[in-house]
């Protein structure tokens, strides 16, 4: 199970407990921190998807904006 899966599972556990009996202050603080972590992970993953996106027109020509190409080249160098 990945870290993201563990975070999601714990958020769901806390949500169910909140619905059934309420949360303690410590659990509410944990829930807020996990939610921040979940959103940060989601944004990072979404940004990575956008950064690797290649746009192709109807004729098959790469029309990816130059700024996006620069980001992709920078990311390739980091991975090497």
PDB file of N, CA and C in Angstrom:
ATOM      1  N   UNK A   1       0.845  -1.172   0.000  1.00  0.00           N
ATOM      2  CA  UNK A   1       0.000   0.000   0.000  1.00  0.00           C
ATOM      3  C   UNK A   1       0.897   1.244   0.000  1.00  0.00           C
ATOM      4  N   UNK A   2       0.637   2.164  -0.904  1.00  0.00           N
ATOM      5  CA  UNK A   2       1.442   3.375  -1.000  1.00  0.00           C
ATOM      6  C   UNK A   2       1.107   4.352   0.122  1.00  0.00           C
ATOM      7  N   UNK A   3       1.966   5.328   0.274  1.00  0.00           N
ATOM      8  CA  UNK A   3       1.725   6.347   1.301  1.00  0.00           C
ATOM      9  C   UNK A   3       0.417   7.088   1.032  1.00  0.00           C
ATOM     10  N   UNK A   4       0.155   7.383  -0.234  1.00  0.00           N
ATOM     11  CA  UNK A   4      -1.092   8.070  -0.590  1.00  0.00           C
ATOM     12  C   UNK A   4      -2.300   7.220  -0.219  1.00  0.00           C
ATOM     13  N   UNK A   5      -2.212   5.915  -0.431  1.00  0.00           N
ATOM     14  CA  UNK A   5      -3.312   5.011  -0.059  1.00  0.00           C
ATOM     15  C   UNK A   5      -3.515   4.996   1.445  1.00  0.00           C
ATOM     16  N   UNK A   6      -2.416   5.013   2.191  1.00  0.00           N
ATOM     17  CA  UNK A   6      -2.510   5.004   3.653  1.00  0.00           C
ATOM     18  C   UNK A   6      -3.148   6.297   4.157  1.00  0.00           C
ATOM     19  N   UNK A   7      -2.766   7.421   3.557  1.00  0.00           N
ATOM     20  CA  UNK A   7      -3.345   8.711   3.942  1.00  0.00           C
ATOM     21  C   UNK A   7      -4.838   8.705   3.663  1.00  0.00           C
ATOM     22  N   UNK A   8      -5.220   8.258   2.470  1.00  0.00           N
ATOM     23  CA  UNK A   8      -6.629   8.213   2.085  1.00  0.00           C
ATOM     24  C   UNK A   8      -7.419   7.304   3.022  1.00  0.00           C
ATOM     25  N   UNK A   9      -6.851   6.153   3.362  1.00  0.00           N
ATOM     26  CA  UNK A   9      -7.521   5.208   4.256  1.00  0.00           C
ATOM     27  C   UNK A   9      -7.745   5.834   5.629  1.00  0.00           C
ATOM     28  N   UNK A  10      -6.712   6.504   6.164  1.00  0.00           N
ATOM     29  CA  UNK A  10      -6.841   7.119   7.488  1.00  0.00           C
ATOM     30  C   UNK A  10      -7.842   8.271   7.469  1.00  0.00           C
ATOM     31  N   UNK A  11      -7.859   9.056   6.402  1.00  0.00           N
ATOM     32  CA  UNK A  11      -8.848  10.139   6.272  1.00  0.00           C
ATOM     33  C   UNK A  11     -10.253   9.548   6.305  1.00  0.00           C
ATOM     34  N   UNK A  12     -10.456   8.460   5.585  1.00  0.00           N
ATOM     35  CA  UNK A  12     -11.774   7.819   5.569  1.00  0.00           C
ATOM     36  C   UNK A  12     -12.152   7.270   6.938  1.00  0.00           C
ATOM     37  N   UNK A  13     -11.185   6.702   7.653  1.00  0.00           N
ATOM     38  CA  UNK A  13     -11.459   6.200   9.009  1.00  0.00           C
ATOM     39  C   UNK A  13     -11.895   7.332   9.929  1.00  0.00           C
ATOM     40  N   UNK A  14     -11.176   8.443   9.848  1.00  0.00           N
ATOM     41  CA  UNK A  14     -11.517   9.584  10.693  1.00  0.00           C
ATOM     42  C   UNK A  14     -12.875  10.171  10.310  1.00  0.00           C
ATOM     43  N   UNK A  15     -13.180  10.172   9.024  1.00  0.00           N
ATOM     44  CA  UNK A  15     -14.483  10.671   8.574  1.00  0.00           C
ATOM     45  C   UNK A  15     -15.613   9.823   9.155  1.00  0.00           C
ATOM     46  N   UNK A  16     -15.464   8.507   9.073  1.00  0.00           N
ATOM     47  CA  UNK A  16     -16.495   7.615   9.620  1.00  0.00           C
ATOM     48  C   UNK A  16     -16.660   7.821  11.118  1.00  0.00           C
ATOM     49  N   UNK A  17     -15.542   7.956  11.825  1.00  0.00           N
ATOM     50  CA  UNK A  17     -15.608   8.166  13.268  1.00  0.00           C
ATOM     51  C   UNK A  17     -16.287   9.492  13.581  1.00  0.00           C
ATOM     52  N   UNK A  18     -15.979  10.519  12.792  1.00  0.00           N
ATOM     53  CA  UNK A  18     -16.593  11.837  13.001  1.00  0.00           C
ATOM     54  C   UNK A  18     -18.099  11.748  12.836  1.00  0.00           C
ATOM     55  N   UNK A  19     -18.555  10.991  11.851  1.00  0.00           N
ATOM     56  CA  UNK A  19     -19.988  10.833  11.605  1.00  0.00           C
ATOM     57  C   UNK A  19     -20.663  10.054  12.736  1.00  0.00           C
ATOM     58  N   UNK A  20     -19.966   9.063  13.274  1.00  0.00           N
ATOM     59  CA  UNK A  20     -20.562   8.185  14.281  1.00  0.00           C
ATOM     60  C   UNK A  20     -20.524   8.785  15.682  1.00  0.00           C
ATOM     61  N   UNK A  21     -19.340   9.272  16.099  1.00  0.00           N
ATOM     62  CA  UNK A  21     -19.236   9.684  17.496  1.00  0.00           C
ATOM     63  C   UNK A  21     -18.474  10.993  17.703  1.00  0.00           C
ATOM     64  N   UNK A  22     -17.964  11.565  16.653  1.00  0.00           N
ATOM     65  CA  UNK A  22     -17.190  12.792  16.784  1.00  0.00           C
ATOM     66  C   UNK A  22     -15.710  12.497  16.969  1.00  0.00           C
ATOM     67  N   UNK A  23     -14.903  13.549  16.823  1.00  0.00           N
ATOM     68  CA  UNK A  23     -13.450  13.410  16.926  1.00  0.00           C
ATOM     69  C   UNK A  23     -12.932  14.201  18.117  1.00  0.00           C
ATOM     70  N   UNK A  24     -11.851  13.713  18.678  1.00  0.00           N
ATOM     71  CA  UNK A  24     -11.159  14.468  19.710  1.00  0.00           C
ATOM     72  C   UNK A  24     -10.395  15.602  19.033  1.00  0.00           C
ATOM     73  N   UNK A  25      -9.875  16.521  19.824  1.00  0.00           N
ATOM     74  CA  UNK A  25      -9.099  17.624  19.247  1.00  0.00           C
ATOM     75  C   UNK A  25      -7.866  17.098  18.517  1.00  0.00           C
ATOM     76  N   UNK A  26      -7.221  16.088  19.082  1.00  0.00           N
ATOM     77  CA  UNK A  26      -6.030  15.506  18.454  1.00  0.00           C
ATOM     78  C   UNK A  26      -6.392  14.848  17.122  1.00  0.00           C
ATOM     79  N   UNK A  27      -7.511  14.142  17.096  1.00  0.00           N
ATOM     80  CA  UNK A  27      -7.935  13.491  15.848  1.00  0.00           C
ATOM     81  C   UNK A  27      -8.326  14.518  14.797  1.00  0.00           C
ATOM     82  N   UNK A  28      -8.962  15.602  15.228  1.00  0.00           N
ATOM     83  CA  UNK A  28      -9.338  16.660  14.280  1.00  0.00           C
ATOM     84  C   UNK A  28      -8.083  17.316  13.699  1.00  0.00           C
ATOM     85  N   UNK A  29      -7.076  17.533  14.542  1.00  0.00           N
ATOM     86  CA  UNK A  29      -5.808  18.096  14.057  1.00  0.00           C
ATOM     87  C   UNK A  29      -5.137  17.132  13.081  1.00  0.00           C
ATOM     88  N   UNK A  30      -5.175  15.836  13.394  1.00  0.00           N
ATOM     89  CA  UNK A  30      -4.604  14.818  12.499  1.00  0.00           C
ATOM     90  C   UNK A  30      -5.335  14.820  11.165  1.00  0.00           C
ATOM     91  N   UNK A  31      -6.666  14.917  11.219  1.00  0.00           N
ATOM     92  CA  UNK A  31      -7.480  14.922  10.001  1.00  0.00           C
ATOM     93  C   UNK A  31      -7.114  16.113   9.120  1.00  0.00           C
ATOM     94  N   UNK A  32      -6.961  17.283   9.739  1.00  0.00           N
ATOM     95  CA  UNK A  32      -6.604  18.480   8.968  1.00  0.00           C
ATOM     96  C   UNK A  32      -5.224  18.337   8.326  1.00  0.00           C
ATOM     97  N   UNK A  33      -4.267  17.805   9.076  1.00  0.00           N
ATOM     98  CA  UNK A  33      -2.915  17.618   8.551  1.00  0.00           C
ATOM     99  C   UNK A  33      -2.911  16.594   7.404  1.00  0.00           C
ATOM    100  N   UNK A  34      -3.647  15.502   7.576  1.00  0.00           N
ATOM    101  CA  UNK A  34      -3.734  14.491   6.513  1.00  0.00           C
ATOM    102  C   UNK A  34      -4.385  15.071   5.265  1.00  0.00           C
ATOM    103  N   UNK A  35      -5.400  15.908   5.469  1.00  0.00           N
ATOM    104  CA  UNK A  35      -6.078  16.522   4.331  1.00  0.00           C
ATOM    105  C   UNK A  35      -5.119  17.435   3.574  1.00  0.00           C
ATOM    106  N   UNK A  36      -4.316  18.219   4.289  1.00  0.00           N
ATOM    107  CA  UNK A  36      -3.315  19.073   3.642  1.00  0.00           C
ATOM    108  C   UNK A  36      -2.327  18.231   2.844  1.00  0.00           C
ATOM    109  N   UNK A  37      -1.895  17.123   3.443  1.00  0.00           N
ATOM    110  CA  UNK A  37      -0.943  16.230   2.781  1.00  0.00           C
ATOM    111  C   UNK A  37      -1.567  15.620   1.526  1.00  0.00           C
ATOM    112  N   UNK A  38      -2.820  15.205   1.618  1.00  0.00           N
ATOM    113  CA  UNK A  38      -3.528  14.620   0.479  1.00  0.00           C
ATOM    114  C   UNK A  38      -3.608  15.635  -0.669  1.00  0.00           C
ATOM    115  N   UNK A  39      -3.994  16.871  -0.357  1.00  0.00           N
ATOM    116  CA  UNK A  39      -4.118  17.910  -1.381  1.00  0.00           C
ATOM    117  C   UNK A  39      -2.752  18.212  -2.009  1.00  0.00           C
ATOM    118  N   UNK A  40      -1.702  18.280  -1.198  1.00  0.00           N
ATOM    119  CA  UNK A  40      -0.359  18.537  -1.730  1.00  0.00           C
ATOM    120  C   UNK A  40       0.071  17.415  -2.671  1.00  0.00           C
ATOM    121  N   UNK A  41      -0.184  16.160  -2.289  1.00  0.00           N
ATOM    122  CA  UNK A  41       0.160  15.023  -3.150  1.00  0.00           C
ATOM    123  C   UNK A  41      -0.634  15.056  -4.449  1.00  0.00           C
ATOM    124  N   UNK A  42      -1.922  15.396  -4.348  1.00  0.00           N
ATOM    125  CA  UNK A  42      -2.768  15.475  -5.538  1.00  0.00           C
ATOM    126  C   UNK A  42      -2.243  16.548  -6.491  1.00  0.00           C
ATOM    127  N   UNK A  43      -1.938  17.707  -5.952  1.00  0.00           N
ATOM    128  CA  UNK A  43      -1.443  18.809  -6.794  1.00  0.00           C
ATOM    129  C   UNK A  43      -0.118  18.452  -7.460  1.00  0.00           C
ATOM    130  N   UNK A  44       0.765  17.810  -6.716  1.00  0.00           N
ATOM    131  CA  UNK A  44       2.068  17.424  -7.277  1.00  0.00           C
ATOM    132  C   UNK A  44       1.885  16.427  -8.418  1.00  0.00           C
ATOM    133  N   UNK A  45       1.021  15.453  -8.223  1.00  0.00           N
ATOM    134  CA  UNK A  45       0.760  14.469  -9.272  1.00  0.00           C
ATOM    135  C   UNK A  45       0.116  15.092 -10.493  1.00  0.00           C
ATOM    136  N   UNK A  46      -0.824  16.000 -10.261  1.00  0.00           N
ATOM    137  CA  UNK A  46      -1.506  16.667 -11.366  1.00  0.00           C
ATOM    138  C   UNK A  46      -0.520  17.546 -12.142  1.00  0.00           C
ATOM    139  N   UNK A  47       0.342  18.269 -11.424  1.00  0.00           N
ATOM    140  CA  UNK A  47       1.350  19.103 -12.082  1.00  0.00           C
ATOM    141  C   UNK A  47       2.291  18.245 -12.917  1.00  0.00           C
ATOM    142  N   UNK A  48       2.666  17.088 -12.395  1.00  0.00           N
ATOM    143  CA  UNK A  48       3.552  16.194 -13.134  1.00  0.00           C
ATOM    144  C   UNK A  48       2.880  15.728 -14.429  1.00  0.00           C
ATOM    145  N   UNK A  49       1.591  15.425 -14.355  1.00  0.00           N
ATOM    146  CA  UNK A  49       0.872  15.015 -15.564  1.00  0.00           C
ATOM    147  C   UNK A  49       0.843  16.146 -16.584  1.00  0.00           C
ATOM    148  N   UNK A  50       0.556  17.363 -16.122  1.00  0.00           N
ATOM    149  CA  UNK A  50       0.507  18.499 -17.041  1.00  0.00           C
ATOM    150  C   UNK A  50       1.872  18.787 -17.644  1.00  0.00           C
ATOM    151  N   UNK A  51       2.917  18.661 -16.824  1.00  0.00           N
ATOM    152  CA  UNK A  51       4.266  18.935 -17.314  1.00  0.00           C
ATOM    153  C   UNK A  51       4.715  17.930 -18.367  1.00  0.00           C
ATOM    154  N   UNK A  52       4.159  16.735 -18.367  1.00  0.00           N
ATOM    155  CA  UNK A  52       4.579  15.726 -19.336  1.00  0.00           C
ATOM    156  C   UNK A  52       3.636  15.642 -20.541  1.00  0.00           C
ATOM    157  N   UNK A  53       2.650  16.507 -20.596  1.00  0.00           N
ATOM    158  CA  UNK A  53       1.670  16.502 -21.671  1.00  0.00           C
ATOM    159  C   UNK A  53       2.280  16.995 -22.976  1.00  0.00           C
ATOM    160  N   UNK A  54       2.016  16.277 -24.056  1.00  0.00           N
ATOM    161  CA  UNK A  54       2.462  16.677 -25.393  1.00  0.00           C
ATOM    162  C   UNK A  54       1.213  16.922 -26.230  1.00  0.00           C
ATOM    163  N   UNK A  55       1.162  18.077 -26.886  1.00  0.00           N
ATOM    164  CA  UNK A  55       0.005  18.446 -27.691  1.00  0.00           C
ATOM    165  C   UNK A  55       0.347  18.242 -29.163  1.00  0.00           C
ATOM    166  N   UNK A  56      -0.523  17.517 -29.869  1.00  0.00           N
ATOM    167  CA  UNK A  56      -0.318  17.197 -31.277  1.00  0.00           C
ATOM    168  C   UNK A  56      -1.532  17.682 -32.056  1.00  0.00           C
ATOM    169  N   UNK A  57      -1.297  18.369 -33.200  1.00  0.00           N
ATOM    170  CA  UNK A  57      -2.420  18.847 -34.006  1.00  0.00           C
ATOM    171  C   UNK A  57      -2.955  17.744 -34.914  1.00  0.00           C
ATOM    172  N   UNK A  58      -3.930  18.075 -35.753  1.00  0.00           N
ATOM    173  CA  UNK A  58      -4.588  17.090 -36.623  1.00  0.00           C
ATOM    174  C   UNK A  58      -3.631  16.428 -37.617  1.00  0.00           C
ATOM    175  N   UNK A  59      -2.563  17.117 -38.001  1.00  0.00           N
ATOM    176  CA  UNK A  59      -1.592  16.569 -38.945  1.00  0.00           C
ATOM    177  C   UNK A  59      -0.490  15.772 -38.253  1.00  0.00           C
ATOM    178  N   UNK A  60      -0.549  15.661 -36.938  1.00  0.00           N
ATOM    179  CA  UNK A  60       0.447  14.900 -36.209  1.00  0.00           C
ATOM    180  C   UNK A  60       1.671  15.710 -35.810  1.00  0.00           C
ATOM    181  N   UNK A  61       1.603  17.021 -35.987  1.00  0.00           N
ATOM    182  CA  UNK A  61       2.724  17.891 -35.664  1.00  0.00           C
ATOM    183  C   UNK A  61       2.669  18.266 -34.179  1.00  0.00           C
ATOM    184  N   UNK A  62       3.827  18.206 -33.536  1.00  0.00           N
ATOM    185  CA  UNK A  62       3.924  18.572 -32.124  1.00  0.00           C
ATOM    186  C   UNK A  62       3.750  20.084 -31.998  1.00  0.00           C
ATOM    187  N   UNK A  63       2.691  20.519 -31.312  1.00  0.00           N
ATOM    188  CA  UNK A  63       2.425  21.945 -31.119  1.00  0.00           C
ATOM    189  C   UNK A  63       2.453  22.306 -29.633  1.00  0.00           C
ATOM    190  N   UNK A  64       3.215  21.544 -28.889  1.00  0.00           N
ATOM    191  CA  UNK A  64       3.357  21.810 -27.457  1.00  0.00           C
ATOM    192  C   UNK A  64       3.991  23.188 -27.281  1.00  0.00           C
ATOM    193  N   UNK A  65       3.435  24.025 -26.399  1.00  0.00           N
ATOM    194  CA  UNK A  65       4.024  25.351 -26.188  1.00  0.00           C
ATOM    195  C   UNK A  65       5.484  25.258 -25.750  1.00  0.00           C
ATOM    196  N   UNK A  66       6.264  26.249 -26.147  1.00  0.00           N
ATOM    197  CA  UNK A  66       7.699  26.246 -25.864  1.00  0.00           C
ATOM    198  C   UNK A  66       7.982  26.187 -24.358  1.00  0.00           C
ATOM    199  N   UNK A  67       7.186  26.886 -23.571  1.00  0.00           N
ATOM    200  CA  UNK A  67       7.387  26.881 -22.122  1.00  0.00           C
ATOM    201  C   UNK A  67       7.235  25.454 -21.568  1.00  0.00           C
ATOM    202  N   UNK A  68       6.247  24.724 -22.064  1.00  0.00           N
ATOM    203  CA  UNK A  68       6.041  23.345 -21.620  1.00  0.00           C
ATOM    204  C   UNK A  68       7.205  22.458 -22.045  1.00  0.00           C
ATOM    205  N   UNK A  69       7.727  22.672 -23.239  1.00  0.00           N
ATOM    206  CA  UNK A  69       8.876  21.892 -23.714  1.00  0.00           C
ATOM    207  C   UNK A  69      10.101  22.141 -22.834  1.00  0.00           C
ATOM    208  N   UNK A  70      10.299  23.396 -22.414  1.00  0.00           N
ATOM    209  CA  UNK A  70      11.429  23.718 -21.548  1.00  0.00           C
ATOM    210  C   UNK A  70      11.308  22.997 -20.205  1.00  0.00           C
ATOM    211  N   UNK A  71      10.105  22.965 -19.658  1.00  0.00           N
ATOM    212  CA  UNK A  71       9.873  22.260 -18.391  1.00  0.00           C
ATOM    213  C   UNK A  71      10.138  20.773 -18.563  1.00  0.00           C
ATOM    214  N   UNK A  72       9.678  20.201 -19.686  1.00  0.00           N
ATOM    215  CA  UNK A  72       9.887  18.770 -19.942  1.00  0.00           C
ATOM    216  C   UNK A  72      11.372  18.463 -20.071  1.00  0.00           C
ATOM    217  N   UNK A  73      12.117  19.307 -20.774  1.00  0.00           N
ATOM    218  CA  UNK A  73      13.562  19.089 -20.924  1.00  0.00           C
ATOM    219  C   UNK A  73      14.268  19.201 -19.577  1.00  0.00           C
ATOM    220  N   UNK A  74      13.860  20.158 -18.769  1.00  0.00           N
ATOM    221  CA  UNK A  74      14.441  20.322 -17.438  1.00  0.00           C
ATOM    222  C   UNK A  74      14.176  19.073 -16.591  1.00  0.00           C
ATOM    223  N   UNK A  75      12.961  18.556 -16.658  1.00  0.00           N
ATOM    224  CA  UNK A  75      12.608  17.362 -15.884  1.00  0.00           C
ATOM    225  C   UNK A  75      13.379  16.137 -16.362  1.00  0.00           C
ATOM    226  N   UNK A  76      13.649  16.033 -17.652  1.00  0.00           N
ATOM    227  CA  UNK A  76      14.417  14.904 -18.180  1.00  0.00           C
ATOM    228  C   UNK A  76      15.840  14.921 -17.647  1.00  0.00           C
ATOM    229  N   UNK A  77      16.419  16.117 -17.545  1.00  0.00           N
ATOM    230  CA  UNK A  77      17.779  16.241 -17.032  1.00  0.00           C
ATOM    231  C   UNK A  77      17.842  15.842 -15.557  1.00  0.00           C
ATOM    232  N   UNK A  78      16.809  16.162 -14.809  1.00  0.00           N
ATOM    233  CA  UNK A  78      16.773  15.825 -13.378  1.00  0.00           C
ATOM    234  C   UNK A  78      16.677  14.319 -13.202  1.00  0.00           C
ATOM    235  N   UNK A  79      15.959  13.640 -14.066  1.00  0.00           N
ATOM    236  CA  UNK A  79      15.765  12.194 -13.946  1.00  0.00           C
ATOM    237  C   UNK A  79      17.008  11.399 -14.318  1.00  0.00           C
ATOM    238  N   UNK A  80      17.892  11.968 -15.093  1.00  0.00           N
ATOM    239  CA  UNK A  80      19.088  11.241 -15.550  1.00  0.00           C
ATOM    240  C   UNK A  80      20.087  11.061 -14.488  1.00  0.00           C
TER     241      UNK A  80
END
